[in-house]
Amino acid sequence: MIAMRILWLALGSGAVASSGCPEQERFQRWMLQFEVKCRSQASIQKVSVQDADAKCDWVTCDCLEVSLQVPVELSQVPTCFEEGVIAGQFSEDQRQIASELIRGSACGERTRVMGMPCGQCDRYRLERPQCSNTTMPPFRTFIPSLGIRALPGVVIPLATAIVGLAF
């Protein structure tokens, strides 16, 4: 959800503050890393795919995590993005992948579902009580070995000793 908000601010608001981007170089590096993590799968998917879910398979947890590591405050994201676009610092692929990630008509729904609490990309979902599916883990039964250890050359005498104990 936060990832979508960051990118929506970057792409959709259009309101640029007059102060300028405080960390344009870091923001540019973040956009490059964002493209590397997200586009590697997206470029494989460039083949026309009919299934909408398969079309968005490139949206992975790594991609969403990078989107959350934006180096500026959320209020500065639109400014930094617009300044980078005007200066030609972002490639067409970087702008396109950011757009695809947040548009509801493209991969916005997958992004929202994967990024929500208890979702696939929630690192701590197994530790959160509200994420529990209330299914008990299976019981494990451990049978003691009677303190006898199997040695490579003692297989037959050991089996004989155990059979002798049973009678």
C-alpha atoms as a PDB file:
ATOM      1  CA  MET A   1       0.000   0.000   0.000  1.00  0.00           C
ATOM      2  CA  ILE A   2       2.830   2.383   0.880  1.00  0.00           C
ATOM      3  CA  ALA A   3       4.683   1.413  -2.302  1.00  0.00           C
ATOM      4  CA  MET A   4       1.681   2.397  -4.376  1.00  0.00           C
ATOM      5  CA  ARG A   5       1.383   5.704  -2.535  1.00  0.00           C
ATOM      6  CA  ILE A   6       5.057   6.548  -3.091  1.00  0.00           C
ATOM      7  CA  LEU A   7       4.850   5.878  -6.788  1.00  0.00           C
ATOM      8  CA  TRP A   8       1.471   7.551  -7.133  1.00  0.00           C
ATOM      9  CA  LEU A   9       2.942  10.663  -5.606  1.00  0.00           C
ATOM     10  CA  ALA A  10       5.855  10.424  -8.013  1.00  0.00           C
ATOM     11  CA  LEU A  11       3.747   9.975 -11.113  1.00  0.00           C
ATOM     12  CA  GLY A  12       0.343  11.381 -10.468  1.00  0.00           C
ATOM     13  CA  SER A  13       0.363  14.560  -8.490  1.00  0.00           C
ATOM     14  CA  GLY A  14       2.224  16.870 -10.837  1.00  0.00           C
ATOM     15  CA  ALA A  15       2.574  19.443  -8.080  1.00  0.00           C
ATOM     16  CA  VAL A  16       6.218  20.350  -7.836  1.00  0.00           C
ATOM     17  CA  ALA A  17       7.453  22.273  -4.857  1.00  0.00           C
ATOM     18  CA  SER A  18       9.620  25.264  -5.649  1.00  0.00           C
ATOM     19  CA  SER A  19      12.357  24.155  -3.240  1.00  0.00           C
ATOM     20  CA  GLY A  20      13.656  21.402  -5.542  1.00  0.00           C
ATOM     21  CA  CYS A  21      14.689  17.880  -4.740  1.00  0.00           C
ATOM     22  CA  PRO A  22      17.022  17.733  -1.730  1.00  0.00           C
ATOM     23  CA  GLU A  23      18.603  14.401  -2.735  1.00  0.00           C
ATOM     24  CA  GLN A  24      18.338  14.214  -6.527  1.00  0.00           C
ATOM     25  CA  GLU A  25      21.439  12.038  -6.940  1.00  0.00           C
ATOM     26  CA  ARG A  26      20.267   9.513  -4.346  1.00  0.00           C
ATOM     27  CA  PHE A  27      16.776   9.580  -5.822  1.00  0.00           C
ATOM     28  CA  GLN A  28      18.241   8.839  -9.259  1.00  0.00           C
ATOM     29  CA  ARG A  29      20.207   5.865  -7.839  1.00  0.00           C
ATOM     30  CA  TRP A  30      17.038   4.638  -6.151  1.00  0.00           C
ATOM     31  CA  MET A  31      15.163   4.793  -9.474  1.00  0.00           C
ATOM     32  CA  LEU A  32      17.962   2.797 -11.108  1.00  0.00           C
ATOM     33  CA  GLN A  33      17.817   0.140  -8.381  1.00  0.00           C
ATOM     34  CA  PHE A  34      14.038   0.132  -8.669  1.00  0.00           C
ATOM     35  CA  GLU A  35      14.349  -0.560 -12.396  1.00  0.00           C
ATOM     36  CA  VAL A  36      16.935  -3.321 -11.837  1.00  0.00           C
ATOM     37  CA  LYS A  37      14.786  -5.176  -9.298  1.00  0.00           C
ATOM     38  CA  CYS A  38      11.511  -4.740 -11.143  1.00  0.00           C
ATOM     39  CA  ARG A  39      12.398  -4.628 -14.819  1.00  0.00           C
ATOM     40  CA  SER A  40      14.487  -7.808 -14.882  1.00  0.00           C
ATOM     41  CA  GLN A  41      11.292  -9.838 -14.696  1.00  0.00           C
ATOM     42  CA  ALA A  42       9.210  -7.356 -16.674  1.00  0.00           C
ATOM     43  CA  SER A  43      11.497  -7.502 -19.699  1.00  0.00           C
ATOM     44  CA  ILE A  44      11.037 -11.265 -19.802  1.00  0.00           C
ATOM     45  CA  GLN A  45       7.280 -10.688 -19.763  1.00  0.00           C
ATOM     46  CA  LYS A  46       7.312  -8.360 -22.811  1.00  0.00           C
ATOM     47  CA  VAL A  47       5.831 -11.140 -24.893  1.00  0.00           C
ATOM     48  CA  SER A  48       2.104 -10.554 -25.267  1.00  0.00           C
ATOM     49  CA  VAL A  49       0.365 -12.405 -22.493  1.00  0.00           C
ATOM     50  CA  GLN A  50      -3.402 -12.846 -22.420  1.00  0.00           C
ATOM     51  CA  ASP A  51      -3.712 -13.604 -18.706  1.00  0.00           C
ATOM     52  CA  ALA A  52      -3.717 -10.380 -16.658  1.00  0.00           C
ATOM     53  CA  ASP A  53      -2.183 -12.117 -13.631  1.00  0.00           C
ATOM     54  CA  ALA A  54       0.680 -13.558 -15.673  1.00  0.00           C
ATOM     55  CA  LYS A  55       1.268 -10.125 -17.200  1.00  0.00           C
ATOM     56  CA  CYS A  56       2.096  -8.803 -13.726  1.00  0.00           C
ATOM     57  CA  ASP A  57       4.326 -11.665 -12.578  1.00  0.00           C
ATOM     58  CA  TRP A  58       7.264  -9.263 -12.651  1.00  0.00           C
ATOM     59  CA  VAL A  59       5.903  -7.522  -9.524  1.00  0.00           C
ATOM     60  CA  THR A  60       7.845  -9.416  -6.871  1.00  0.00           C
ATOM     61  CA  CYS A  61       8.527  -8.880  -3.190  1.00  0.00           C
ATOM     62  CA  ASP A  62      12.048  -7.626  -4.023  1.00  0.00           C
ATOM     63  CA  CYS A  63      10.536  -5.063  -6.370  1.00  0.00           C
ATOM     64  CA  LEU A  64       8.063  -3.875  -3.732  1.00  0.00           C
ATOM     65  CA  GLU A  65      10.779  -3.679  -1.056  1.00  0.00           C
ATOM     66  CA  VAL A  66      12.944  -1.454  -3.237  1.00  0.00           C
ATOM     67  CA  SER A  67       9.963   0.806  -3.835  1.00  0.00           C
ATOM     68  CA  LEU A  68       9.746   1.356  -0.068  1.00  0.00           C
ATOM     69  CA  GLN A  69      13.393   2.450   0.209  1.00  0.00           C
ATOM     70  CA  VAL A  70      12.848   5.862  -1.363  1.00  0.00           C
ATOM     71  CA  PRO A  71      15.630   8.175  -0.070  1.00  0.00           C
ATOM     72  CA  VAL A  72      13.511  11.328   0.300  1.00  0.00           C
ATOM     73  CA  GLU A  73      10.407  12.219   2.259  1.00  0.00           C
ATOM     74  CA  LEU A  74       7.139  11.232   0.616  1.00  0.00           C
ATOM     75  CA  SER A  75       6.224  14.870   0.108  1.00  0.00           C
ATOM     76  CA  GLN A  76       9.418  15.325  -1.960  1.00  0.00           C
ATOM     77  CA  VAL A  77       8.863  12.330  -4.274  1.00  0.00           C
ATOM     78  CA  PRO A  78       6.817  14.250  -6.897  1.00  0.00           C
ATOM     79  CA  THR A  79       9.414  17.018  -6.987  1.00  0.00           C
ATOM     80  CA  CYS A  80      12.336  14.633  -7.378  1.00  0.00           C
ATOM     81  CA  PHE A  81      10.559  12.544  -9.991  1.00  0.00           C
ATOM     82  CA  GLU A  82       9.505  15.524 -12.092  1.00  0.00           C
ATOM     83  CA  GLU A  83      12.947  17.136 -11.895  1.00  0.00           C
ATOM     84  CA  GLY A  84      14.523  13.848 -12.967  1.00  0.00           C
ATOM     85  CA  VAL A  85      12.143  13.513 -15.912  1.00  0.00           C
ATOM     86  CA  ILE A  86      12.758  17.116 -17.021  1.00  0.00           C
ATOM     87  CA  ALA A  87      16.531  16.666 -16.723  1.00  0.00           C
ATOM     88  CA  GLY A  88      16.349  13.394 -18.653  1.00  0.00           C
ATOM     89  CA  GLN A  89      17.808  11.385 -15.757  1.00  0.00           C
ATOM     90  CA  PHE A  90      15.245   8.581 -15.950  1.00  0.00           C
ATOM     91  CA  SER A  91      14.974   6.182 -18.822  1.00  0.00           C
ATOM     92  CA  GLU A  92      11.712   5.411 -20.557  1.00  0.00           C
ATOM     93  CA  ASP A  93      11.812   1.970 -18.902  1.00  0.00           C
ATOM     94  CA  GLN A  94      12.121   3.525 -15.441  1.00  0.00           C
ATOM     95  CA  ARG A  95       9.144   5.791 -16.029  1.00  0.00           C
ATOM     96  CA  GLN A  96       7.100   2.984 -17.584  1.00  0.00           C
ATOM     97  CA  ILE A  97       7.751   0.443 -14.841  1.00  0.00           C
ATOM     98  CA  ALA A  98       6.847   2.957 -12.137  1.00  0.00           C
ATOM     99  CA  SER A  99       3.639   3.687 -14.006  1.00  0.00           C
ATOM    100  CA  GLU A 100       2.772  -0.003 -14.493  1.00  0.00           C
ATOM    101  CA  LEU A 101       3.329  -0.728 -10.824  1.00  0.00           C
ATOM    102  CA  ILE A 102       0.718   1.728  -9.606  1.00  0.00           C
ATOM    103  CA  ARG A 103      -1.939   1.844 -12.316  1.00  0.00           C
ATOM    104  CA  GLY A 104      -5.032  -0.034 -11.250  1.00  0.00           C
ATOM    105  CA  SER A 105      -5.582  -1.132 -14.832  1.00  0.00           C
ATOM    106  CA  ALA A 106      -2.156  -2.754 -15.014  1.00  0.00           C
ATOM    107  CA  CYS A 107      -0.544  -4.244 -11.903  1.00  0.00           C
ATOM    108  CA  GLY A 108      -1.944  -2.038  -9.152  1.00  0.00           C
ATOM    109  CA  GLU A 109      -4.203  -4.762  -7.755  1.00  0.00           C
ATOM    110  CA  ARG A 110      -1.358  -7.301  -7.556  1.00  0.00           C
ATOM    111  CA  THR A 111       0.844  -4.674  -5.896  1.00  0.00           C
ATOM    112  CA  ARG A 112      -1.864  -3.877  -3.345  1.00  0.00           C
ATOM    113  CA  VAL A 113      -2.563  -7.525  -2.495  1.00  0.00           C
ATOM    114  CA  MET A 114       1.097  -8.517  -2.208  1.00  0.00           C
ATOM    115  CA  GLY A 115       2.018  -5.471  -0.130  1.00  0.00           C
ATOM    116  CA  MET A 116      -0.818  -5.557   2.376  1.00  0.00           C
ATOM    117  CA  PRO A 117      -0.290  -6.693   5.989  1.00  0.00           C
ATOM    118  CA  CYS A 118      -0.260 -10.519   6.145  1.00  0.00           C
ATOM    119  CA  GLY A 119       0.260 -10.542   2.372  1.00  0.00           C
ATOM    120  CA  GLN A 120       2.836 -12.507   0.450  1.00  0.00           C
ATOM    121  CA  CYS A 121       5.507  -9.814   0.883  1.00  0.00           C
ATOM    122  CA  ASP A 122       4.949  -9.199   4.600  1.00  0.00           C
ATOM    123  CA  ARG A 123       8.226 -10.470   6.092  1.00  0.00           C
ATOM    124  CA  TYR A 124       6.715 -10.725   9.554  1.00  0.00           C
ATOM    125  CA  ARG A 125       3.377 -12.362   8.687  1.00  0.00           C
ATOM    126  CA  LEU A 126       4.348 -15.587  10.471  1.00  0.00           C
ATOM    127  CA  GLU A 127       5.054 -13.626  13.650  1.00  0.00           C
ATOM    128  CA  ARG A 128       1.838 -11.600  13.628  1.00  0.00           C
ATOM    129  CA  PRO A 129      -1.049 -13.217  15.520  1.00  0.00           C
ATOM    130  CA  GLN A 130      -3.609 -11.569  13.227  1.00  0.00           C
ATOM    131  CA  CYS A 131      -2.041 -13.368  10.242  1.00  0.00           C
ATOM    132  CA  SER A 132      -2.501 -16.824  11.737  1.00  0.00           C
ATOM    133  CA  ASN A 133      -4.708 -19.199   9.798  1.00  0.00           C
ATOM    134  CA  THR A 134      -5.488 -21.070  13.060  1.00  0.00           C
ATOM    135  CA  THR A 135      -4.312 -24.406  11.691  1.00  0.00           C
ATOM    136  CA  MET A 136      -2.282 -26.245  14.292  1.00  0.00           C
ATOM    137  CA  PRO A 137       1.128 -27.498  13.188  1.00  0.00           C
ATOM    138  CA  PRO A 138       1.443 -31.288  13.002  1.00  0.00           C
ATOM    139  CA  PHE A 139       2.615 -33.154  16.070  1.00  0.00           C
ATOM    140  CA  ARG A 140       5.957 -34.890  15.789  1.00  0.00           C
ATOM    141  CA  THR A 141       6.600 -38.113  17.595  1.00  0.00           C
ATOM    142  CA  PHE A 142      10.181 -38.958  18.389  1.00  0.00           C
ATOM    143  CA  ILE A 143      10.972 -42.556  19.235  1.00  0.00           C
ATOM    144  CA  PRO A 144      13.963 -42.865  21.550  1.00  0.00           C
ATOM    145  CA  SER A 145      16.816 -45.022  20.334  1.00  0.00           C
ATOM    146  CA  LEU A 146      17.368 -46.650  23.758  1.00  0.00           C
ATOM    147  CA  GLY A 147      20.723 -44.958  23.901  1.00  0.00           C
ATOM    148  CA  ILE A 148      22.237 -47.394  21.383  1.00  0.00           C
ATOM    149  CA  ARG A 149      23.989 -45.804  18.495  1.00  0.00           C
ATOM    150  CA  ALA A 150      24.173 -47.509  15.121  1.00  0.00           C
ATOM    151  CA  LEU A 151      27.721 -47.936  13.896  1.00  0.00           C
ATOM    152  CA  PRO A 152      28.616 -48.880  10.312  1.00  0.00           C
ATOM    153  CA  GLY A 153      30.050 -52.317  11.169  1.00  0.00           C
ATOM    154  CA  VAL A 154      27.621 -53.208  13.953  1.00  0.00           C
ATOM    155  CA  VAL A 155      24.355 -53.356  12.048  1.00  0.00           C
ATOM    156  CA  ILE A 156      23.572 -57.083  12.431  1.00  0.00           C
ATOM    157  CA  PRO A 157      24.612 -57.464  16.106  1.00  0.00           C
ATOM    158  CA  LEU A 158      22.630 -54.344  16.953  1.00  0.00           C
ATOM    159  CA  ALA A 159      19.519 -55.721  15.226  1.00  0.00           C
ATOM    160  CA  THR A 160      20.005 -59.045  17.052  1.00  0.00           C
ATOM    161  CA  ALA A 161      20.336 -57.249  20.384  1.00  0.00           C
ATOM    162  CA  ILE A 162      17.141 -55.287  19.798  1.00  0.00           C
ATOM    163  CA  VAL A 163      15.227 -58.398  18.701  1.00  0.00           C
ATOM    164  CA  GLY A 164      16.537 -60.199  21.809  1.00  0.00           C
ATOM    165  CA  LEU A 165      15.222 -57.403  24.032  1.00  0.00           C
ATOM    166  CA  ALA A 166      11.769 -57.684  22.488  1.00  0.00           C
ATOM    167  CA  PHE A 167      11.315 -61.332  23.645  1.00  0.00           C
END
